[in-house]
Amino acid sequence: SQNLSNTPVETLEAQHPVRVEAYELEPDS
């Protein structure tokens, strides 16, 4: 129903005090 994109990890980490430690598919979900 949308047409969005996940924010690139590099963008989040470069501009904000945050570290993305996992960005992955969840098996068996």
ModelCIF file with pLDDT and N, C-alpha, C, O atoms, coordinates in Angstrom:
data_MODEL
#
_entry.id   MODEL 
#
_entity.id                         1 
_entity.type                       polymer 
_entity.pdbx_number_of_molecules   1 
#
_entity_poly.entity_id                      1 
_entity_poly.type                           'polypeptide(L)' 
_entity_poly.nstd_linkage                   no 
_entity_poly.nstd_monomer                   no 
_entity_poly.pdbx_seq_one_letter_code       SQNLSNTPVETLEAQHPVRVEAYELEPDS 
_entity_poly.pdbx_seq_one_letter_code_can   SQNLSNTPVETLEAQHPVRVEAYELEPDS 
_entity_poly.pdbx_strand_id                 A 
#
loop_
_entity_poly_seq.entity_id 
_entity_poly_seq.num 
_entity_poly_seq.mon_id 
_entity_poly_seq.hetero 
1 1  SER n 
1 2  GLN n 
1 3  ASN n 
1 4  LEU n 
1 5  SER n 
1 6  ASN n 
1 7  THR n 
1 8  PRO n 
1 9  VAL n 
1 10 GLU n 
1 11 THR n 
1 12 LEU n 
1 13 GLU n 
1 14 ALA n 
1 15 GLN n 
1 16 HIS n 
1 17 PRO n 
1 18 VAL n 
1 19 ARG n 
1 20 VAL n 
1 21 GLU n 
1 22 ALA n 
1 23 TYR n 
1 24 GLU n 
1 25 LEU n 
1 26 GLU n 
1 27 PRO n 
1 28 ASP n 
1 29 SER n 
#
_struct_asym.id          A 
_struct_asym.entity_id   1 
#
loop_
_ma_qa_metric.id 
_ma_qa_metric.mode 
_ma_qa_metric.name 
_ma_qa_metric.software_group_id 
_ma_qa_metric.type 
1 global pLDDT . pLDDT 
2 local  pLDDT . pLDDT 
#
_ma_qa_metric_global.metric_id      1 
_ma_qa_metric_global.metric_value   94.07 
_ma_qa_metric_global.model_id       1 
_ma_qa_metric_global.ordinal_id     1 
#
loop_
_ma_qa_metric_local.label_asym_id 
_ma_qa_metric_local.label_comp_id 
_ma_qa_metric_local.label_seq_id 
_ma_qa_metric_local.metric_id 
_ma_qa_metric_local.metric_value 
_ma_qa_metric_local.model_id 
_ma_qa_metric_local.ordinal_id 
A SER 1  2 88.00 1 1  
A GLN 2  2 85.00 1 2  
A ASN 3  2 86.00 1 3  
A LEU 4  2 90.00 1 4  
A SER 5  2 89.00 1 5  
A ASN 6  2 87.00 1 6  
A THR 7  2 90.00 1 7  
A PRO 8  2 92.00 1 8  
A VAL 9  2 95.00 1 9  
A GLU 10 2 95.00 1 10 
A THR 11 2 93.00 1 11 
A LEU 12 2 94.00 1 12 
A GLU 13 2 96.00 1 13 
A ALA 14 2 95.00 1 14 
A GLN 15 2 92.00 1 15 
A HIS 16 2 96.00 1 16 
A PRO 17 2 97.00 1 17 
A VAL 18 2 98.00 1 18 
A ARG 19 2 98.00 1 19 
A VAL 20 2 98.00 1 20 
A GLU 21 2 97.00 1 21 
A ALA 22 2 96.00 1 22 
A TYR 23 2 96.00 1 23 
A GLU 24 2 96.00 1 24 
A LEU 25 2 97.00 1 25 
A GLU 26 2 98.00 1 26 
A PRO 27 2 98.00 1 27 
A ASP 28 2 98.00 1 28 
A SER 29 2 98.00 1 29 
#
loop_
_atom_site.group_PDB 
_atom_site.id 
_atom_site.type_symbol 
_atom_site.label_atom_id 
_atom_site.label_alt_id 
_atom_site.label_comp_id 
_atom_site.label_asym_id 
_atom_site.label_entity_id 
_atom_site.label_seq_id 
_atom_site.pdbx_PDB_ins_code 
_atom_site.Cartn_x 
_atom_site.Cartn_y 
_atom_site.Cartn_z 
_atom_site.occupancy 
_atom_site.B_iso_or_equiv 
_atom_site.pdbx_formal_charge 
_atom_site.auth_seq_id 
_atom_site.auth_comp_id 
_atom_site.auth_asym_id 
_atom_site.auth_atom_id 
_atom_site.pdbx_PDB_model_num 
ATOM 1   N N  . SER A 1 1  ? 0.813  -1.209  0.000  1.00 88.00 ? 1  SER A N  1 
ATOM 2   C CA . SER A 1 1  ? 0.000  0.000   0.000  1.00 88.00 ? 1  SER A CA 1 
ATOM 3   C C  . SER A 1 1  ? 0.852  1.267   0.000  1.00 88.00 ? 1  SER A C  1 
ATOM 4   O O  . SER A 1 1  ? 0.321  2.373   -0.105 1.00 88.00 ? 1  SER A O  1 
ATOM 5   N N  . GLN A 1 2  ? 2.156  1.112   0.116  1.00 85.00 ? 2  GLN A N  1 
ATOM 6   C CA . GLN A 1 2  ? 3.038  2.272   0.185  1.00 85.00 ? 2  GLN A CA 1 
ATOM 7   C C  . GLN A 1 2  ? 4.050  2.207   -0.948 1.00 85.00 ? 2  GLN A C  1 
ATOM 8   O O  . GLN A 1 2  ? 3.951  1.359   -1.835 1.00 85.00 ? 2  GLN A O  1 
ATOM 9   N N  . ASN A 1 3  ? 5.015  3.101   -0.911 1.00 86.00 ? 3  ASN A N  1 
ATOM 10  C CA . ASN A 1 3  ? 6.125  3.053   -1.852 1.00 86.00 ? 3  ASN A CA 1 
ATOM 11  C C  . ASN A 1 3  ? 7.337  3.659   -1.160 1.00 86.00 ? 3  ASN A C  1 
ATOM 12  O O  . ASN A 1 3  ? 7.963  4.596   -1.656 1.00 86.00 ? 3  ASN A O  1 
ATOM 13  N N  . LEU A 1 4  ? 7.647  3.094   0.003  1.00 90.00 ? 4  LEU A N  1 
ATOM 14  C CA . LEU A 1 4  ? 8.708  3.610   0.851  1.00 90.00 ? 4  LEU A CA 1 
ATOM 15  C C  . LEU A 1 4  ? 10.000 2.841   0.640  1.00 90.00 ? 4  LEU A C  1 
ATOM 16  O O  . LEU A 1 4  ? 10.051 1.860   -0.102 1.00 90.00 ? 4  LEU A O  1 
ATOM 17  N N  . SER A 1 5  ? 11.040 3.312   1.313  1.00 89.00 ? 5  SER A N  1 
ATOM 18  C CA . SER A 1 5  ? 12.329 2.630   1.296  1.00 89.00 ? 5  SER A CA 1 
ATOM 19  C C  . SER A 1 5  ? 12.869 2.597   2.714  1.00 89.00 ? 5  SER A C  1 
ATOM 20  O O  . SER A 1 5  ? 12.651 3.529   3.487  1.00 89.00 ? 5  SER A O  1 
ATOM 21  N N  . ASN A 1 6  ? 13.576 1.524   3.060  1.00 87.00 ? 6  ASN A N  1 
ATOM 22  C CA . ASN A 1 6  ? 14.263 1.498   4.346  1.00 87.00 ? 6  ASN A CA 1 
ATOM 23  C C  . ASN A 1 6  ? 15.420 2.490   4.321  1.00 87.00 ? 6  ASN A C  1 
ATOM 24  O O  . ASN A 1 6  ? 16.146 2.572   3.331  1.00 87.00 ? 6  ASN A O  1 
ATOM 25  N N  . THR A 1 7  ? 15.596 3.244   5.403  1.00 90.00 ? 7  THR A N  1 
ATOM 26  C CA . THR A 1 7  ? 16.683 4.216   5.477  1.00 90.00 ? 7  THR A CA 1 
ATOM 27  C C  . THR A 1 7  ? 18.023 3.491   5.439  1.00 90.00 ? 7  THR A C  1 
ATOM 28  O O  . THR A 1 7  ? 18.217 2.541   6.196  1.00 90.00 ? 7  THR A O  1 
ATOM 29  N N  . PRO A 1 8  ? 18.953 3.906   4.585  1.00 92.00 ? 8  PRO A N  1 
ATOM 30  C CA . PRO A 1 8  ? 20.277 3.262   4.573  1.00 92.00 ? 8  PRO A CA 1 
ATOM 31  C C  . PRO A 1 8  ? 20.956 3.368   5.937  1.00 92.00 ? 8  PRO A C  1 
ATOM 32  O O  . PRO A 1 8  ? 20.898 4.408   6.594  1.00 92.00 ? 8  PRO A O  1 
ATOM 33  N N  . VAL A 1 9  ? 21.594 2.290   6.348  1.00 95.00 ? 9  VAL A N  1 
ATOM 34  C CA . VAL A 1 9  ? 22.292 2.275   7.630  1.00 95.00 ? 9  VAL A CA 1 
ATOM 35  C C  . VAL A 1 9  ? 23.335 3.386   7.683  1.00 95.00 ? 9  VAL A C  1 
ATOM 36  O O  . VAL A 1 9  ? 23.499 4.045   8.709  1.00 95.00 ? 9  VAL A O  1 
ATOM 37  N N  . GLU A 1 10 ? 24.037 3.588   6.571  1.00 95.00 ? 10 GLU A N  1 
ATOM 38  C CA . GLU A 1 10 ? 25.097 4.603   6.542  1.00 95.00 ? 10 GLU A CA 1 
ATOM 39  C C  . GLU A 1 10 ? 24.543 5.998   6.811  1.00 95.00 ? 10 GLU A C  1 
ATOM 40  O O  . GLU A 1 10 ? 25.190 6.811   7.471  1.00 95.00 ? 10 GLU A O  1 
ATOM 41  N N  . THR A 1 11 ? 23.356 6.270   6.303  1.00 93.00 ? 11 THR A N  1 
ATOM 42  C CA . THR A 1 11 ? 22.738 7.588   6.525  1.00 93.00 ? 11 THR A CA 1 
ATOM 43  C C  . THR A 1 11 ? 22.391 7.781   7.990  1.00 93.00 ? 11 THR A C  1 
ATOM 44  O O  . THR A 1 11 ? 22.658 8.839   8.560  1.00 93.00 ? 11 THR A O  1 
ATOM 45  N N  . LEU A 1 12 ? 21.796 6.761   8.607  1.00 94.00 ? 12 LEU A N  1 
ATOM 46  C CA . LEU A 1 12 ? 21.439 6.860   10.020 1.00 94.00 ? 12 LEU A CA 1 
ATOM 47  C C  . LEU A 1 12 ? 22.674 7.088   10.882 1.00 94.00 ? 12 LEU A C  1 
ATOM 48  O O  . LEU A 1 12 ? 22.687 7.957   11.754 1.00 94.00 ? 12 LEU A O  1 
ATOM 49  N N  . GLU A 1 13 ? 23.711 6.294   10.625 1.00 96.00 ? 13 GLU A N  1 
ATOM 50  C CA . GLU A 1 13 ? 24.885 6.348   11.492 1.00 96.00 ? 13 GLU A CA 1 
ATOM 51  C C  . GLU A 1 13 ? 25.718 7.601   11.263 1.00 96.00 ? 13 GLU A C  1 
ATOM 52  O O  . GLU A 1 13 ? 26.361 8.092   12.191 1.00 96.00 ? 13 GLU A O  1 
ATOM 53  N N  . ALA A 1 14 ? 25.715 8.122   10.050 1.00 95.00 ? 14 ALA A N  1 
ATOM 54  C CA . ALA A 1 14 ? 26.529 9.299   9.746  1.00 95.00 ? 14 ALA A CA 1 
ATOM 55  C C  . ALA A 1 14 ? 25.949 10.567  10.346 1.00 95.00 ? 14 ALA A C  1 
ATOM 56  O O  . ALA A 1 14 ? 26.690 11.493  10.674 1.00 95.00 ? 14 ALA A O  1 
ATOM 57  N N  . GLN A 1 15 ? 24.619 10.619  10.496 1.00 92.00 ? 15 GLN A N  1 
ATOM 58  C CA . GLN A 1 15 ? 23.975 11.864  10.896 1.00 92.00 ? 15 GLN A CA 1 
ATOM 59  C C  . GLN A 1 15 ? 23.423 11.855  12.313 1.00 92.00 ? 15 GLN A C  1 
ATOM 60  O O  . GLN A 1 15 ? 23.013 12.899  12.821 1.00 92.00 ? 15 GLN A O  1 
ATOM 61  N N  . HIS A 1 16 ? 23.407 10.690  12.961 1.00 96.00 ? 16 HIS A N  1 
ATOM 62  C CA . HIS A 1 16 ? 22.760 10.600  14.267 1.00 96.00 ? 16 HIS A CA 1 
ATOM 63  C C  . HIS A 1 16 ? 23.586 9.731   15.216 1.00 96.00 ? 16 HIS A C  1 
ATOM 64  O O  . HIS A 1 16 ? 24.364 8.890   14.767 1.00 96.00 ? 16 HIS A O  1 
ATOM 65  N N  . PRO A 1 17 ? 23.422 9.930   16.525 1.00 97.00 ? 17 PRO A N  1 
ATOM 66  C CA . PRO A 1 17 ? 24.147 9.111   17.501 1.00 97.00 ? 17 PRO A CA 1 
ATOM 67  C C  . PRO A 1 17 ? 23.496 7.748   17.694 1.00 97.00 ? 17 PRO A C  1 
ATOM 68  O O  . PRO A 1 17 ? 22.864 7.488   18.718 1.00 97.00 ? 17 PRO A O  1 
ATOM 69  N N  . VAL A 1 18 ? 23.655 6.894   16.709 1.00 98.00 ? 18 VAL A N  1 
ATOM 70  C CA . VAL A 1 18 ? 23.053 5.565   16.749 1.00 98.00 ? 18 VAL A CA 1 
ATOM 71  C C  . VAL A 1 18 ? 23.925 4.623   15.928 1.00 98.00 ? 18 VAL A C  1 
ATOM 72  O O  . VAL A 1 18 ? 24.543 5.039   14.948 1.00 98.00 ? 18 VAL A O  1 
ATOM 73  N N  . ARG A 1 19 ? 23.974 3.360   16.326 1.00 98.00 ? 19 ARG A N  1 
ATOM 74  C CA . ARG A 1 19 ? 24.662 2.340   15.541 1.00 98.00 ? 19 ARG A CA 1 
ATOM 75  C C  . ARG A 1 19 ? 23.674 1.215   15.263 1.00 98.00 ? 19 ARG A C  1 
ATOM 76  O O  . ARG A 1 19 ? 23.074 0.666   16.187 1.00 98.00 ? 19 ARG A O  1 
ATOM 77  N N  . VAL A 1 20 ? 23.509 0.880   14.010 1.00 98.00 ? 20 VAL A N  1 
ATOM 78  C CA . VAL A 1 20 ? 22.604 -0.201  13.622 1.00 98.00 ? 20 VAL A CA 1 
ATOM 79  C C  . VAL A 1 20 ? 23.371 -1.513  13.707 1.00 98.00 ? 20 VAL A C  1 
ATOM 80  O O  . VAL A 1 20 ? 24.286 -1.750  12.919 1.00 98.00 ? 20 VAL A O  1 
ATOM 81  N N  . GLU A 1 21 ? 23.008 -2.355  14.647 1.00 97.00 ? 21 GLU A N  1 
ATOM 82  C CA . GLU A 1 21 ? 23.768 -3.575  14.913 1.00 97.00 ? 21 GLU A CA 1 
ATOM 83  C C  . GLU A 1 21 ? 23.188 -4.798  14.228 1.00 97.00 ? 21 GLU A C  1 
ATOM 84  O O  . GLU A 1 21 ? 23.836 -5.844  14.175 1.00 97.00 ? 21 GLU A O  1 
ATOM 85  N N  . ALA A 1 22 ? 21.986 -4.684  13.706 1.00 96.00 ? 22 ALA A N  1 
ATOM 86  C CA . ALA A 1 22 ? 21.405 -5.785  12.928 1.00 96.00 ? 22 ALA A CA 1 
ATOM 87  C C  . ALA A 1 22 ? 20.407 -5.200  11.939 1.00 96.00 ? 22 ALA A C  1 
ATOM 88  O O  . ALA A 1 22 ? 19.606 -4.326  12.273 1.00 96.00 ? 22 ALA A O  1 
ATOM 89  N N  . TYR A 1 23 ? 20.477 -5.700  10.728 1.00 96.00 ? 23 TYR A N  1 
ATOM 90  C CA . TYR A 1 23 ? 19.508 -5.348  9.689  1.00 96.00 ? 23 TYR A CA 1 
ATOM 91  C C  . TYR A 1 23 ? 19.457 -6.557  8.780  1.00 96.00 ? 23 TYR A C  1 
ATOM 92  O O  . TYR A 1 23 ? 20.253 -6.680  7.849  1.00 96.00 ? 23 TYR A O  1 
ATOM 93  N N  . GLU A 1 24 ? 18.523 -7.447  9.050  1.00 96.00 ? 24 GLU A N  1 
ATOM 94  C CA . GLU A 1 24 ? 18.577 -8.755  8.417  1.00 96.00 ? 24 GLU A CA 1 
ATOM 95  C C  . GLU A 1 24 ? 17.192 -9.382  8.335  1.00 96.00 ? 24 GLU A C  1 
ATOM 96  O O  . GLU A 1 24 ? 16.255 -8.954  9.010  1.00 96.00 ? 24 GLU A O  1 
ATOM 97  N N  . LEU A 1 25 ? 17.084 -10.402 7.496  1.00 97.00 ? 25 LEU A N  1 
ATOM 98  C CA . LEU A 1 25 ? 15.845 -11.156 7.410  1.00 97.00 ? 25 LEU A CA 1 
ATOM 99  C C  . LEU A 1 25 ? 15.720 -12.072 8.615  1.00 97.00 ? 25 LEU A C  1 
ATOM 100 O O  . LEU A 1 25 ? 16.711 -12.600 9.119  1.00 97.00 ? 25 LEU A O  1 
ATOM 101 N N  . GLU A 1 26 ? 14.497 -12.249 9.065  1.00 98.00 ? 26 GLU A N  1 
ATOM 102 C CA . GLU A 1 26 ? 14.217 -13.087 10.231 1.00 98.00 ? 26 GLU A CA 1 
ATOM 103 C C  . GLU A 1 26 ? 13.766 -14.475 9.765  1.00 98.00 ? 26 GLU A C  1 
ATOM 104 O O  . GLU A 1 26 ? 12.660 -14.608 9.242  1.00 98.00 ? 26 GLU A O  1 
ATOM 105 N N  . PRO A 1 27 ? 14.596 -15.514 9.942  1.00 98.00 ? 27 PRO A N  1 
ATOM 106 C CA . PRO A 1 27 ? 14.213 -16.861 9.506  1.00 98.00 ? 27 PRO A CA 1 
ATOM 107 C C  . PRO A 1 27 ? 12.920 -17.320 10.172 1.00 98.00 ? 27 PRO A C  1 
ATOM 108 O O  . PRO A 1 27 ? 12.643 -16.963 11.317 1.00 98.00 ? 27 PRO A O  1 
ATOM 109 N N  . ASP A 1 28 ? 12.145 -18.100 9.462  1.00 98.00 ? 28 ASP A N  1 
ATOM 110 C CA . ASP A 1 28 ? 10.921 -18.739 9.971  1.00 98.00 ? 28 ASP A CA 1 
ATOM 111 C C  . ASP A 1 28 ? 9.807  -17.751 10.301 1.00 98.00 ? 28 ASP A C  1 
ATOM 112 O O  . ASP A 1 28 ? 8.834  -18.129 10.954 1.00 98.00 ? 28 ASP A O  1 
ATOM 113 N N  . SER A 1 29 ? 9.921  -16.499 9.869  1.00 98.00 ? 29 SER A N  1 
ATOM 114 C CA . SER A 1 29 ? 8.909  -15.503 10.238 1.00 98.00 ? 29 SER A CA 1 
ATOM 115 C C  . SER A 1 29 ? 7.719  -15.487 9.288  1.00 98.00 ? 29 SER A C  1 
ATOM 116 O O  . SER A 1 29 ? 6.790  -14.701 9.475  1.00 98.00 ? 29 SER A O  1 
#
